[in-house]
C-alpha atoms as a PDB file:
ATOM      1  CA  MET A   1      11.728   7.672 -38.358  1.00  0.00           C
ATOM      2  CA  ALA A   2      15.261   6.408 -38.053  1.00  0.00           C
ATOM      3  CA  LEU A   3      16.812   4.183 -35.808  1.00  0.00           C
ATOM      4  CA  THR A   4      18.589   6.211 -32.716  1.00  0.00           C
ATOM      5  CA  ASN A   5      21.323   3.716 -32.493  1.00  0.00           C
ATOM      6  CA  THR A   6      22.029   0.143 -34.668  1.00  0.00           C
ATOM      7  CA  ARG A   7      22.509  -2.939 -33.865  1.00  0.00           C
ATOM      8  CA  ALA A   8      25.701  -2.816 -35.480  1.00  0.00           C
ATOM      9  CA  ALA A   9      26.419   0.585 -33.179  1.00  0.00           C
ATOM     10  CA  LEU A  10      25.788  -1.003 -30.190  1.00  0.00           C
ATOM     11  CA  LYS A  11      27.676  -3.967 -30.848  1.00  0.00           C
ATOM     12  CA  ALA A  12      30.958  -1.736 -31.934  1.00  0.00           C
ATOM     13  CA  PHE A  13      30.574  -0.663 -27.981  1.00  0.00           C
ATOM     14  CA  PHE A  14      31.850  -4.055 -27.133  1.00  0.00           C
ATOM     15  CA  ASN A  15      34.376  -5.610 -29.509  1.00  0.00           C
ATOM     16  CA  THR A  16      37.177  -7.602 -27.686  1.00  0.00           C
ATOM     17  CA  GLY A  17      39.327  -5.497 -26.600  1.00  0.00           C
ATOM     18  CA  ASP A  18      36.955  -2.422 -25.389  1.00  0.00           C
ATOM     19  CA  VAL A  19      36.558  -0.925 -22.529  1.00  0.00           C
ATOM     20  CA  PRO A  20      32.767  -0.147 -23.116  1.00  0.00           C
ATOM     21  CA  THR A  21      31.752   3.663 -21.228  1.00  0.00           C
ATOM     22  CA  GLU A  22      28.953   3.740 -18.772  1.00  0.00           C
ATOM     23  CA  VAL A  23      26.744   5.705 -21.488  1.00  0.00           C
ATOM     24  CA  GLN A  24      27.919   2.930 -23.797  1.00  0.00           C
ATOM     25  CA  PHE A  25      25.958   0.851 -21.129  1.00  0.00           C
ATOM     26  CA  SER A  26      23.379   3.111 -20.353  1.00  0.00           C
ATOM     27  CA  THR A  27      22.911   3.854 -24.337  1.00  0.00           C
ATOM     28  CA  LEU A  28      22.646  -0.061 -24.737  1.00  0.00           C
ATOM     29  CA  ILE A  29      20.141  -0.709 -21.765  1.00  0.00           C
ATOM     30  CA  ASP A  30      17.956   1.754 -23.208  1.00  0.00           C
ATOM     31  CA  ALA A  31      17.969   0.469 -26.454  1.00  0.00           C
ATOM     32  CA  PHE A  32      15.934  -2.979 -25.391  1.00  0.00           C
ATOM     33  CA  PRO A  33      12.318  -2.415 -25.018  1.00  0.00           C
ATOM     34  CA  MET A  34      11.043  -3.471 -21.403  1.00  0.00           C
ATOM     35  CA  VAL A  35       7.953  -5.963 -21.191  1.00  0.00           C
ATOM     36  CA  TYR A  36       5.707  -5.967 -18.324  1.00  0.00           C
ATOM     37  CA  THR A  37       3.300  -9.211 -18.516  1.00  0.00           C
ATOM     38  CA  GLU A  38      -0.027  -9.965 -16.570  1.00  0.00           C
ATOM     39  CA  THR A  39      -2.592 -12.701 -16.039  1.00  0.00           C
ATOM     40  CA  ILE A  40      -5.713 -11.105 -15.580  1.00  0.00           C
ATOM     41  CA  THR A  41      -9.762 -11.483 -15.813  1.00  0.00           C
ATOM     42  CA  LEU A  42     -11.851  -9.441 -18.013  1.00  0.00           C
ATOM     43  CA  VAL A  43     -14.999  -8.945 -17.279  1.00  0.00           C
ATOM     44  CA  LYS A  44     -17.321  -7.561 -20.522  1.00  0.00           C
ATOM     45  CA  ASP A  45     -17.369  -4.018 -21.220  1.00  0.00           C
ATOM     46  CA  THR A  46     -15.665  -2.958 -17.627  1.00  0.00           C
ATOM     47  CA  ASP A  47     -12.886  -0.679 -17.185  1.00  0.00           C
ATOM     48  CA  TYR A  48      -9.872  -2.612 -16.383  1.00  0.00           C
ATOM     49  CA  THR A  49      -7.146  -1.249 -14.251  1.00  0.00           C
ATOM     50  CA  ILE A  50      -3.307  -2.190 -15.467  1.00  0.00           C
ATOM     51  CA  THR A  51      -0.539  -0.939 -13.054  1.00  0.00           C
ATOM     52  CA  HIS A  52       3.426  -2.042 -13.954  1.00  0.00           C
ATOM     53  CA  SER A  53       4.998   0.591 -11.976  1.00  0.00           C
ATOM     54  CA  ALA A  54       7.582   0.715 -14.669  1.00  0.00           C
ATOM     55  CA  ALA A  55       7.322   4.323 -14.671  1.00  0.00           C
ATOM     56  CA  GLU A  56       7.289   4.782 -18.691  1.00  0.00           C
ATOM     57  CA  LYS A  57       4.950   4.659 -20.790  1.00  0.00           C
ATOM     58  CA  ALA A  58       2.762   2.298 -22.140  1.00  0.00           C
ATOM     59  CA  ARG A  59       3.360   1.667 -26.198  1.00  0.00           C
ATOM     60  CA  ILE A  60       1.997  -1.420 -27.142  1.00  0.00           C
ATOM     61  CA  VAL A  61      -0.225  -3.795 -25.981  1.00  0.00           C
ATOM     62  CA  GLN A  62      -1.536  -7.131 -26.614  1.00  0.00           C
ATOM     63  CA  VAL A  63      -4.120  -9.489 -25.341  1.00  0.00           C
ATOM     64  CA  LEU A  64      -3.916 -13.233 -25.510  1.00  0.00           C
ATOM     65  CA  ASP A  65      -6.549 -15.448 -24.811  1.00  0.00           C
ATOM     66  CA  SER A  66      -6.424 -18.872 -22.209  1.00  0.00           C
ATOM     67  CA  ASN A  67      -5.320 -20.409 -26.205  1.00  0.00           C
ATOM     68  CA  GLY A  68      -2.566 -18.014 -26.883  1.00  0.00           C
ATOM     69  CA  GLU A  69      -4.615 -16.236 -29.435  1.00  0.00           C
ATOM     70  CA  GLU A  70      -4.398 -12.543 -30.171  1.00  0.00           C
ATOM     71  CA  PHE A  71      -7.886 -10.821 -29.371  1.00  0.00           C
ATOM     72  CA  GLY A  72      -8.880  -6.924 -29.884  1.00  0.00           C
ATOM     73  CA  VAL A  73      -9.477  -4.556 -26.915  1.00  0.00           C
ATOM     74  CA  SER A  74      -9.554  -0.892 -26.511  1.00  0.00           C
ATOM     75  CA  TRP A  75      -6.954   0.315 -24.688  1.00  0.00           C
ATOM     76  CA  ARG A  76      -5.683   3.894 -23.616  1.00  0.00           C
ATOM     77  CA  ARG A  77      -2.904   5.393 -20.929  1.00  0.00           C
ATOM     78  CA  ASP A  78      -4.366   6.416 -17.399  1.00  0.00           C
ATOM     79  CA  SER A  79      -4.751  10.125 -17.304  1.00  0.00           C
ATOM     80  CA  THR A  80      -4.462  10.143 -13.736  1.00  0.00           C
ATOM     81  CA  ASP A  81      -0.651   8.177 -14.320  1.00  0.00           C
ATOM     82  CA  GLU A  82       0.340   7.747 -17.828  1.00  0.00           C
ATOM     83  CA  ASN A  83       3.909   6.092 -17.141  1.00  0.00           C
ATOM     84  CA  ASN A  84       2.526   3.639 -14.515  1.00  0.00           C
ATOM     85  CA  LYS A  85      -1.039   2.641 -15.445  1.00  0.00           C
ATOM     86  CA  ILE A  86      -3.455   1.782 -18.829  1.00  0.00           C
ATOM     87  CA  ILE A  87      -7.061   0.983 -18.873  1.00  0.00           C
ATOM     88  CA  ILE A  88      -8.220  -1.886 -20.993  1.00  0.00           C
ATOM     89  CA  ASN A  89     -11.756  -2.663 -21.693  1.00  0.00           C
ATOM     90  CA  ALA A  90     -12.948  -5.926 -23.838  1.00  0.00           C
ATOM     91  CA  SER A  91     -16.522  -6.208 -25.781  1.00  0.00           C
ATOM     92  CA  VAL A  92     -16.138  -9.661 -24.481  1.00  0.00           C
ATOM     93  CA  GLY A  93     -15.183 -12.022 -21.006  1.00  0.00           C
ATOM     94  CA  LYS A  94     -12.427 -13.727 -20.469  1.00  0.00           C
ATOM     95  CA  SER A  95     -10.589 -15.569 -17.845  1.00  0.00           C
ATOM     96  CA  ASN A  96      -6.824 -15.891 -18.269  1.00  0.00           C
ATOM     97  CA  VAL A  97      -5.875 -13.472 -20.596  1.00  0.00           C
ATOM     98  CA  GLU A  98      -2.361 -12.960 -20.683  1.00  0.00           C
ATOM     99  CA  VAL A  99      -1.739  -8.788 -21.199  1.00  0.00           C
ATOM    100  CA  ASN A 100       1.476  -7.979 -22.186  1.00  0.00           C
ATOM    101  CA  ILE A 101       2.458  -3.983 -22.943  1.00  0.00           C
ATOM    102  CA  LEU A 102       5.517  -3.365 -24.251  1.00  0.00           C
ATOM    103  CA  LEU A 103       7.324   0.190 -22.475  1.00  0.00           C
ATOM    104  CA  ALA A 104       9.477   2.220 -24.027  1.00  0.00           C
ATOM    105  CA  GLY A 105      11.025   5.123 -22.446  1.00  0.00           C
END
């Protein structure tokens, strides 16, 4: 898979004296992934639904414990609303868990 837009190409939109177009600004904004973060409590072997309302499908889900250590969970997009919800499940119960969802349009 190749990069759609390189950093050099995006930077070239904004050289001194240039007037970026609406399309160029849109291209730049779309090049940035969005990250949704929420702190939750996980109950062992229980599905937890997170609604991020970003209208973009989750690409990567990272879960950190209260010490900032990543631990494994299973996750999937919610089939009733794949663009705004994910479901996570862990084999352990933990509180103060930080869930980071990388979204890309």
